[in-house]
Amino acid sequence: MKSEQQYIDLYTQCEQMITSHSCELMNAPRKEALEDFMHMGFPTRKMERYKYTEVAESFAPDYGLNLNRLDIPVNPYDVFRCDVPNLSTSLYFVVNDMFYSKALPAVQLPEGVEVCSLSEAASRHPERLVNYYAKLARSGKDALVALNTMLAQDGLLIYVPKNVVVERTIQVINILRSDVDLMANRRVLVVLEQGAQARILFCDHAVDHHKFLVNQVVEAYVSDNAHLEMYELEETHSDTTRFSNMFVEQGRYSTFVNNTITLTCGKTRNRIDVAMCEEGAETSLYGCVIADSKQHVDNNTLIDHRAAHCTSNELYKYVLDGSAVGAFAGRVLVRKDAQHTISTENNANLCATREARMYTQPMLEIYADDVKCSHGSTVGQLDEQALFYMRQRGISLEEARMLLKFAFVGQVIDSIALEALRDRLHYLVEKRFRGELHKCEGCKLHK
């Protein structure tokens, strides 16, 4: 049986259960998503955007799904005690793929700002969300998006109304928790209206050492003159497989910044598609990957310059140890009407062992004639002369190797605007390179 068939059978047999525990907003596109999934099937490595990651084998195992939306016995405040010193956040939790509403943080958000489940928001004002949900993430263009649209029963909404500035960072802790191998279909919708500003920090953790499969879809709308900073930090374990598809639409003179930090994982594939639809938009994408053992991390990006006078900047850095595999494919598309585009794209990679493998493919596709665009990539090993220099000054080989790796990724970490988060990540990255458990005292996530 092909990997696809078990999900087709699951949906056809459990359709009533899936829809009854969801809302009309999410139920409406399910039939079309099923048809798209049946037509496409899982992508193969013959497809350009999936050439570095095998998909079907990741979805082949028989994972459990919480279709009855049973409460998972977890108190996130007991499970997660890690914190970023001096970073005051509005804290929310998602357990597997369910918004945790039992113990919301005692935080006053600005008037009109919503951080809640999609179902809750749809019950209050469905007319607001119908123009956003499943509009950027179209099921006919990607099978994993189609599968998520078929099976996702709820999601997370972050909505910031016109001209509202959210001063405190919105922190969302995604906790994977189960007594059996589990699949989570996580859905996120972020809407910033005209002139709005917000920072969002997503932290992914796995509580139990079961196998987890996460199929995540994020849609983000950054309207005219809006500013969105998004940070993603993954600290799971080797039995976690994560497929994340993010779709972003930018308006006139808007700003979008995304920084993806992968510290520990099993297999991870992050896709980010940014559409710069109006003039004056700015996009910055940053990524830092630290992988060892047999970990696999694939970042695939598309920055689509559709309008004139837009600027994009992209920097991804990988440090691969052991038999880890890394992949980066970044495409910058400059359309005919996107004159006066400025774009830079860089991918730098460090393979610390001969067994580590890195695949890199930066791409420029330009149809306008008045642009400034550049791209490049490097793959290298630790500098032997630098190692020798440090050892001559009494630094051990292990410490010297750690310092070189730390310095290599420093540029990405230093790009983070939040000073407290930047300092915390410097600490976590150093712990990661030293092979120590990167956890705060009292955190039970890794016990």
Protein backbone atom coordinates (compact mmCIF):
# COMPACT_ATOMS: atom_id res chain seq x y z
CA MET A 1 0.00 0.00 0.00
CA LYS A 2 1.31 3.43 -0.85
CA SER A 3 1.82 5.88 1.98
CA GLU A 4 -0.99 8.06 0.63
CA GLN A 5 -3.68 5.39 0.83
CA GLN A 6 -3.75 5.13 4.60
CA TYR A 7 -4.52 8.85 4.86
CA ILE A 8 -7.16 8.70 2.15
CA ASP A 9 -8.81 5.77 3.93
CA LEU A 10 -8.50 7.54 7.27
CA TYR A 11 -10.27 10.62 6.02
CA THR A 12 -13.07 8.78 4.18
CA GLN A 13 -13.75 6.57 7.19
CA CYS A 14 -13.49 9.32 9.81
CA GLU A 15 -14.81 12.34 7.93
CA GLN A 16 -17.76 12.85 10.26
CA MET A 17 -15.52 12.65 13.33
CA ILE A 18 -13.04 15.11 11.83
CA THR A 19 -15.65 17.68 10.82
CA SER A 20 -17.74 17.40 13.98
CA HIS A 21 -14.75 18.42 16.10
CA SER A 22 -13.87 21.35 13.86
CA CYS A 23 -15.57 24.48 12.49
CA GLU A 24 -17.14 25.46 9.17
CA LEU A 25 -14.21 27.71 8.29
CA MET A 26 -11.87 24.70 8.31
CA ASN A 27 -14.39 22.18 7.01
CA ALA A 28 -15.24 24.10 3.85
CA PRO A 29 -12.03 23.34 1.89
CA ARG A 30 -11.61 19.72 3.02
CA LYS A 31 -13.28 18.03 0.05
CA GLU A 32 -11.18 19.96 -2.44
CA ALA A 33 -8.06 19.20 -0.40
CA LEU A 34 -8.86 15.48 -0.45
CA GLU A 35 -9.25 15.55 -4.23
CA ASP A 36 -5.97 17.44 -4.60
CA PHE A 37 -4.15 15.00 -2.34
CA MET A 38 -5.53 11.98 -4.21
CA HIS A 39 -4.47 13.55 -7.50
CA MET A 40 -0.95 14.58 -6.48
CA GLY A 41 0.17 12.00 -3.94
CA PHE A 42 3.22 12.67 -1.81
CA PRO A 43 5.97 14.61 -3.59
CA THR A 44 9.01 12.65 -4.72
CA ARG A 45 12.63 13.66 -4.98
CA LYS A 46 12.15 14.05 -8.72
CA MET A 47 10.30 17.28 -7.91
CA GLU A 48 12.60 20.31 -7.76
CA ARG A 49 11.43 21.60 -4.40
CA TYR A 50 11.67 18.18 -2.73
CA LYS A 51 14.86 16.88 -4.32
CA TYR A 52 16.77 16.76 -1.02
CA THR A 53 14.15 15.21 1.29
CA GLU A 54 12.21 11.96 0.99
CA VAL A 55 8.60 12.52 2.04
CA ALA A 56 6.64 9.30 1.54
CA GLU A 57 8.82 7.23 3.85
CA SER A 58 8.29 9.74 6.66
CA PHE A 59 4.50 9.41 6.39
CA ALA A 60 4.50 5.63 5.89
CA PRO A 61 4.46 4.58 9.59
CA ASP A 62 1.10 4.20 11.29
CA TYR A 63 0.91 7.25 13.55
CA GLY A 64 -1.92 7.89 15.93
CA LEU A 65 -4.09 11.01 15.53
CA ASN A 66 -6.21 12.69 18.16
CA LEU A 67 -9.32 12.97 15.99
CA ASN A 68 -11.69 12.93 18.98
CA ARG A 69 -9.82 15.95 20.39
CA LEU A 70 -9.27 14.29 23.73
CA ASP A 71 -7.55 16.36 26.39
CA ILE A 72 -3.90 15.42 26.65
CA PRO A 73 -2.89 15.11 30.33
CA VAL A 74 -0.29 17.85 30.53
CA ASN A 75 0.17 21.02 32.50
CA PRO A 76 2.41 23.10 30.25
CA TYR A 77 3.46 25.34 33.13
CA ASP A 78 4.87 22.29 34.92
CA VAL A 79 6.36 20.76 31.80
CA PHE A 80 7.91 23.93 30.44
CA ARG A 81 9.82 26.09 32.89
CA CYS A 82 12.43 27.42 30.48
CA ASP A 83 12.42 31.17 30.11
CA VAL A 84 14.40 33.87 28.42
CA PRO A 85 15.73 36.19 31.14
CA ASN A 86 14.70 39.82 30.73
CA LEU A 87 12.40 39.01 27.81
CA SER A 88 8.85 39.78 28.86
CA THR A 89 6.45 37.79 26.68
CA SER A 90 2.77 37.04 26.34
CA LEU A 91 2.89 33.27 26.72
CA TYR A 92 0.62 30.73 25.00
CA PHE A 93 0.74 26.97 24.50
CA VAL A 94 -0.17 24.54 21.74
CA VAL A 95 -0.22 20.87 22.78
CA ASN A 96 0.40 18.77 19.67
CA ASP A 97 -2.06 20.62 17.42
CA MET A 98 -4.54 21.91 20.02
CA PHE A 99 -4.56 25.42 21.43
CA TYR A 100 -4.26 25.13 25.22
CA SER A 101 -6.98 27.30 26.73
CA LYS A 102 -7.20 25.98 30.28
CA ALA A 103 -4.64 28.31 31.80
CA LEU A 104 -4.10 31.39 29.70
CA PRO A 105 -1.41 33.84 30.82
CA ALA A 106 -2.57 36.81 32.83
CA VAL A 107 -1.51 39.30 30.17
CA GLN A 108 -3.41 42.28 28.86
CA LEU A 109 -3.04 42.50 25.09
CA PRO A 110 -3.82 45.76 23.28
CA GLU A 111 -7.46 46.24 22.40
CA GLY A 112 -8.54 44.17 19.43
CA VAL A 113 -5.52 41.83 19.43
CA GLU A 114 -6.49 38.17 19.42
CA VAL A 115 -4.39 35.12 20.24
CA CYS A 116 -6.74 32.16 20.34
CA SER A 117 -7.86 29.00 18.57
CA LEU A 118 -9.13 29.30 15.02
CA SER A 119 -12.40 27.62 15.98
CA GLU A 120 -13.03 30.12 18.75
CA ALA A 121 -12.32 33.07 16.47
CA ALA A 122 -14.46 31.62 13.66
CA SER A 123 -17.43 31.25 15.99
CA ARG A 124 -17.29 34.96 16.87
CA HIS A 125 -16.50 36.60 13.53
CA PRO A 126 -16.23 34.14 10.64
CA GLU A 127 -16.51 36.97 8.10
CA ARG A 128 -13.11 38.27 9.21
CA LEU A 129 -11.26 34.99 8.64
CA VAL A 130 -12.95 33.67 5.51
CA ASN A 131 -10.78 35.91 3.34
CA TYR A 132 -7.56 34.58 4.90
CA TYR A 133 -7.80 30.90 5.78
CA ALA A 134 -6.49 28.54 3.07
CA LYS A 135 -6.03 31.40 0.61
CA LEU A 136 -2.23 31.54 0.61
CA ALA A 137 -1.73 27.85 1.40
CA ARG A 138 -3.59 26.35 -1.55
CA SER A 139 -4.03 22.60 -1.45
CA GLY A 140 -3.68 22.25 -5.22
CA LYS A 141 -0.05 23.36 -5.16
CA ASP A 142 1.42 21.08 -2.50
CA ALA A 143 0.38 17.65 -1.23
CA LEU A 144 1.49 18.31 2.35
CA VAL A 145 -0.64 21.46 2.43
CA ALA A 146 -3.54 19.41 1.07
CA LEU A 147 -3.03 16.75 3.74
CA ASN A 148 -2.94 19.37 6.48
CA THR A 149 -6.09 21.03 5.15
CA MET A 150 -7.81 17.62 5.11
CA LEU A 151 -6.93 16.65 8.66
CA ALA A 152 -6.36 19.82 10.71
CA GLN A 153 -9.26 20.31 13.11
CA ASP A 154 -8.22 23.51 14.80
CA GLY A 155 -5.39 26.00 14.73
CA LEU A 156 -3.85 29.09 16.20
CA LEU A 157 -4.89 32.62 15.25
CA ILE A 158 -2.78 35.70 15.89
CA TYR A 159 -4.63 38.82 14.77
CA VAL A 160 -3.44 42.42 15.18
CA PRO A 161 -5.83 45.16 14.01
CA LYS A 162 -5.00 48.32 12.10
CA ASN A 163 -2.23 50.55 13.52
CA VAL A 164 -1.94 48.54 16.75
CA VAL A 165 1.59 47.95 18.07
CA VAL A 166 2.07 44.87 20.27
CA GLU A 167 4.98 45.83 22.50
CA ARG A 168 5.44 42.48 24.22
CA THR A 169 6.66 39.51 22.23
CA ILE A 170 3.99 36.84 21.67
CA GLN A 171 5.60 33.53 22.63
CA VAL A 172 3.97 30.27 21.52
CA ILE A 173 5.28 27.03 23.01
CA ASN A 174 4.51 24.03 20.77
CA ILE A 175 4.63 20.94 22.98
CA LEU A 176 4.59 17.42 21.55
CA ARG A 177 3.11 15.07 24.15
CA SER A 178 1.76 11.53 23.71
CA ASP A 179 1.85 8.02 25.10
CA VAL A 180 2.04 6.58 21.57
CA ASP A 181 3.59 7.58 18.25
CA LEU A 182 1.61 10.61 17.14
CA MET A 183 0.96 12.79 14.10
CA ALA A 184 0.08 16.45 14.67
CA ASN A 185 -1.46 18.61 11.94
CA ARG A 186 -0.66 22.08 13.17
CA ARG A 187 -2.26 25.13 11.55
CA VAL A 188 -1.33 28.78 12.18
CA LEU A 189 -2.91 31.94 10.79
CA VAL A 190 -1.22 35.32 11.40
CA VAL A 191 -2.92 38.52 10.26
CA LEU A 192 -1.42 41.98 10.70
CA GLU A 193 -3.68 44.69 9.42
CA GLN A 194 -2.43 47.98 7.98
CA GLY A 195 0.23 49.64 10.13
CA ALA A 196 0.25 46.88 12.77
CA GLN A 197 3.44 45.64 14.44
CA ALA A 198 4.19 42.39 16.29
CA ARG A 199 6.96 39.98 17.25
CA ILE A 200 6.23 36.25 17.52
CA LEU A 201 8.49 33.57 19.02
CA PHE A 202 7.64 29.91 18.32
CA CYS A 203 9.44 27.27 20.41
CA ASP A 204 9.08 23.58 19.51
CA HIS A 205 9.69 20.95 22.19
CA ALA A 206 8.97 17.21 22.56
CA VAL A 207 8.10 15.97 26.03
CA ASP A 208 7.99 12.21 25.43
CA HIS A 209 10.43 10.01 23.57
CA HIS A 210 7.87 8.60 21.18
CA LYS A 211 7.97 9.18 17.45
CA PHE A 212 6.29 12.40 16.41
CA LEU A 213 5.32 13.57 12.94
CA VAL A 214 4.41 17.24 12.58
CA ASN A 215 2.78 18.55 9.41
CA GLN A 216 2.53 22.31 9.90
CA VAL A 217 1.08 25.04 7.70
CA VAL A 218 1.50 28.74 8.48
CA GLU A 219 -0.22 31.58 6.63
CA ALA A 220 0.94 35.12 7.41
CA TYR A 221 -0.53 38.35 6.04
CA VAL A 222 1.57 41.49 6.51
CA SER A 223 -0.55 44.39 5.27
CA ASP A 224 0.55 47.86 4.10
CA ASN A 225 3.10 49.50 6.43
CA ALA A 226 2.89 46.54 8.84
CA HIS A 227 5.93 45.00 10.55
CA LEU A 228 6.20 41.33 11.54
CA GLU A 229 9.19 39.65 13.16
CA MET A 230 8.93 35.89 13.50
CA TYR A 231 11.39 33.63 15.33
CA GLU A 232 11.29 29.83 15.25
CA LEU A 233 13.35 27.72 17.65
CA GLU A 234 13.29 23.93 17.33
CA GLU A 235 14.55 21.82 20.22
CA THR A 236 12.96 18.40 19.86
CA HIS A 237 14.69 15.01 19.59
CA SER A 238 15.94 12.48 17.07
CA ASP A 239 12.56 10.71 16.73
CA THR A 240 10.76 13.88 15.62
CA THR A 241 9.95 14.55 11.97
CA ARG A 242 8.81 18.07 11.12
CA PHE A 243 7.47 19.40 7.83
CA SER A 244 6.66 23.11 7.99
CA ASN A 245 5.19 25.11 5.09
CA MET A 246 4.97 28.87 5.61
CA PHE A 247 3.32 31.26 3.15
CA VAL A 248 3.67 35.02 3.55
CA GLU A 249 2.00 37.87 1.66
CA GLN A 250 3.33 41.41 2.02
CA GLY A 251 1.66 44.71 1.29
CA ARG A 252 3.05 48.12 0.41
CA TYR A 253 6.07 49.24 2.49
CA SER A 254 5.65 46.30 4.86
CA THR A 255 8.49 44.51 6.62
CA PHE A 256 8.82 40.79 7.31
CA VAL A 257 11.71 39.21 9.23
CA ASN A 258 11.99 35.47 9.85
CA ASN A 259 14.75 33.74 11.80
CA THR A 260 14.70 29.93 11.97
CA ILE A 261 17.02 28.27 14.50
CA THR A 262 17.29 24.46 14.42
CA LEU A 263 19.23 23.19 17.44
CA THR A 264 18.05 19.59 17.79
CA CYS A 265 15.73 17.48 15.65
CA GLY A 266 15.36 14.24 13.74
CA LYS A 267 14.27 15.17 10.24
CA THR A 268 13.18 18.74 9.52
CA ARG A 269 12.07 20.43 6.33
CA ASN A 270 11.16 24.11 6.45
CA ARG A 271 9.61 25.80 3.44
CA ILE A 272 9.05 29.56 3.33
CA ASP A 273 7.35 31.28 0.38
CA VAL A 274 7.24 35.08 0.52
CA ALA A 275 5.20 37.08 -1.99
CA MET A 276 6.15 40.77 -2.10
CA CYS A 277 3.00 42.02 -3.76
CA GLU A 278 3.32 45.79 -3.44
CA GLU A 279 6.16 48.27 -3.84
CA GLY A 280 8.51 49.14 -1.02
CA ALA A 281 8.23 45.80 0.82
CA GLU A 282 11.24 44.45 2.70
CA THR A 283 12.00 40.83 3.58
CA SER A 284 14.83 39.32 5.62
CA LEU A 285 15.19 35.56 6.05
CA TYR A 286 17.79 34.11 8.41
CA GLY A 287 18.53 30.52 9.34
CA CYS A 288 20.91 28.72 11.67
CA VAL A 289 21.22 24.92 11.63
CA ILE A 290 23.26 22.81 14.04
CA ALA A 291 23.01 19.11 13.27
CA ASP A 292 24.95 15.97 14.12
CA SER A 293 24.49 12.20 14.31
CA LYS A 294 22.03 11.28 11.50
CA GLN A 295 19.92 14.40 11.65
CA HIS A 296 18.52 15.84 8.42
CA VAL A 297 17.65 19.52 7.96
CA ASP A 298 16.33 20.99 4.70
CA ASN A 299 15.45 24.68 4.26
CA ASN A 300 13.67 25.62 1.04
CA THR A 301 12.78 29.25 0.35
CA LEU A 302 11.14 31.33 -2.36
CA ILE A 303 11.17 35.13 -2.35
CA ASP A 304 8.85 36.37 -5.09
CA HIS A 305 9.49 39.99 -6.07
CA ARG A 306 6.25 40.97 -7.80
CA ALA A 307 6.47 44.76 -7.42
CA ALA A 308 9.07 47.48 -7.86
CA HIS A 309 11.36 48.99 -5.21
CA CYS A 310 11.37 45.92 -2.95
CA THR A 311 14.35 44.64 -0.95
CA SER A 312 15.20 41.15 0.24
CA ASN A 313 18.07 39.72 2.24
CA GLU A 314 18.71 36.06 2.95
CA LEU A 315 21.39 34.39 5.09
CA TYR A 316 21.47 30.73 6.15
CA LYS A 317 24.35 29.03 7.97
CA TYR A 318 24.79 25.33 8.73
CA VAL A 319 27.20 23.48 11.02
CA LEU A 320 27.07 19.75 10.34
CA ASP A 321 28.79 17.10 12.46
CA GLY A 322 28.70 13.32 12.52
CA SER A 323 26.70 11.92 9.58
CA ALA A 324 24.26 14.80 9.46
CA VAL A 325 22.74 15.92 6.16
CA GLY A 326 21.90 19.52 5.39
CA ALA A 327 20.19 21.09 2.39
CA PHE A 328 19.45 24.64 1.35
CA ALA A 329 17.58 25.67 -1.78
CA GLY A 330 16.79 29.37 -2.04
CA ARG A 331 15.11 30.86 -5.08
CA VAL A 332 14.73 34.59 -5.64
CA LEU A 333 12.27 35.39 -8.41
CA VAL A 334 12.28 38.94 -9.83
CA ARG A 335 9.32 39.46 -12.14
CA LYS A 336 9.16 41.80 -15.12
CA ASP A 337 7.44 44.63 -13.25
CA ALA A 338 9.76 44.39 -10.22
CA GLN A 339 12.19 47.08 -11.33
CA HIS A 340 14.69 48.56 -8.84
CA THR A 341 14.78 45.32 -6.85
CA ILE A 342 17.65 44.88 -4.39
CA SER A 343 18.33 41.30 -3.30
CA THR A 344 21.17 39.42 -1.62
CA GLU A 345 21.25 35.70 -0.86
CA ASN A 346 24.02 33.84 0.95
CA ASN A 347 24.38 30.32 2.27
CA ALA A 348 27.55 29.36 4.19
CA ASN A 349 28.14 25.84 5.49
CA LEU A 350 30.64 24.10 7.71
CA CYS A 351 31.10 20.33 7.55
CA ALA A 352 33.00 19.35 10.68
CA THR A 353 33.44 15.70 9.62
CA ARG A 354 34.07 13.87 6.36
CA GLU A 355 30.78 11.99 6.80
CA ALA A 356 28.62 15.12 6.94
CA ARG A 357 26.88 16.10 3.71
CA MET A 358 25.63 19.48 2.54
CA TYR A 359 23.57 20.25 -0.57
CA THR A 360 23.23 23.91 -1.52
CA GLN A 361 21.37 25.54 -4.39
CA PRO A 362 21.00 29.34 -4.32
CA MET A 363 19.04 30.53 -7.37
CA LEU A 364 18.30 33.85 -9.06
CA GLU A 365 15.57 34.13 -11.71
CA ILE A 366 15.40 37.68 -13.05
CA TYR A 367 13.06 39.12 -15.67
CA ALA A 368 13.59 42.83 -14.88
CA ASP A 369 16.54 44.81 -16.22
CA ASP A 370 17.13 47.45 -13.51
CA VAL A 371 18.01 45.42 -10.41
CA LYS A 372 20.85 44.77 -7.98
CA CYS A 373 20.91 41.08 -7.11
CA SER A 374 23.59 38.74 -5.86
CA HIS A 375 23.79 35.22 -4.50
CA GLY A 376 26.43 32.78 -3.34
CA SER A 377 27.23 29.72 -1.28
CA THR A 378 30.25 28.11 0.36
CA VAL A 379 30.92 24.68 1.86
CA GLY A 380 34.08 24.17 3.90
CA GLN A 381 35.69 22.51 6.88
CA LEU A 382 37.24 23.84 10.08
CA ASP A 383 40.29 26.00 9.46
CA GLU A 384 43.31 23.88 10.38
CA GLN A 385 45.56 26.92 10.72
CA ALA A 386 43.15 28.55 13.14
CA LEU A 387 42.96 25.33 15.15
CA PHE A 388 46.76 25.14 15.26
CA TYR A 389 47.01 28.79 16.32
CA MET A 390 44.61 28.31 19.23
CA ARG A 391 46.23 25.05 20.36
CA GLN A 392 49.61 26.78 20.45
CA ARG A 393 48.08 29.13 23.00
CA GLY A 394 46.94 26.39 25.34
CA ILE A 395 43.39 25.89 24.07
CA SER A 396 42.38 22.24 23.81
CA LEU A 397 41.41 20.82 20.42
CA GLU A 398 37.82 20.24 21.54
CA GLU A 399 37.49 23.79 22.86
CA ALA A 400 39.09 25.26 19.74
CA ARG A 401 36.68 23.38 17.47
CA MET A 402 33.74 24.61 19.56
CA LEU A 403 34.92 28.23 19.39
CA LEU A 404 35.28 28.12 15.60
CA LYS A 405 31.79 26.65 15.18
CA PHE A 406 30.33 29.22 17.57
CA ALA A 407 31.96 32.10 15.71
CA PHE A 408 30.75 30.72 12.37
CA VAL A 409 27.03 30.96 13.24
CA GLY A 410 27.39 34.17 15.23
CA GLN A 411 26.33 36.36 12.31
CA VAL A 412 22.88 34.76 12.17
CA ILE A 413 22.35 34.93 15.93
CA ASP A 414 23.49 38.56 16.00
CA SER A 415 20.81 39.43 13.43
CA ILE A 416 18.12 38.90 16.10
CA ALA A 417 16.74 42.28 17.15
CA LEU A 418 15.60 41.14 20.60
CA GLU A 419 18.66 41.50 22.82
CA ALA A 420 17.42 39.13 25.54
CA LEU A 421 16.60 36.42 23.00
CA ARG A 422 19.90 36.98 21.23
CA ASP A 423 21.85 36.52 24.47
CA ARG A 424 19.83 33.43 25.34
CA LEU A 425 20.52 31.85 21.95
CA HIS A 426 24.24 32.52 22.30
CA TYR A 427 24.05 30.51 25.52
CA LEU A 428 21.99 27.68 23.98
CA VAL A 429 24.18 27.42 20.89
CA GLU A 430 27.32 27.17 23.02
CA LYS A 431 25.68 24.44 25.13
CA ARG A 432 24.69 22.64 21.94
CA PHE A 433 28.22 22.66 20.59
CA ARG A 434 29.53 21.39 23.91
CA GLY A 435 27.14 18.44 23.73
CA GLU A 436 25.40 19.45 26.93
CA LEU A 437 21.67 19.42 27.54
CA HIS A 438 20.46 22.89 26.65
CA LYS A 439 17.81 23.29 29.30
CA CYS A 440 17.05 25.59 32.15
CA GLU A 441 17.15 24.32 35.68
CA GLY A 442 13.79 22.81 36.55
CA CYS A 443 12.77 22.10 32.96
CA LYS A 444 11.29 18.63 32.63
CA LEU A 445 11.23 18.48 28.85
CA HIS A 446 14.37 16.39 28.52
CA LYS A 447 13.94 14.18 31.59
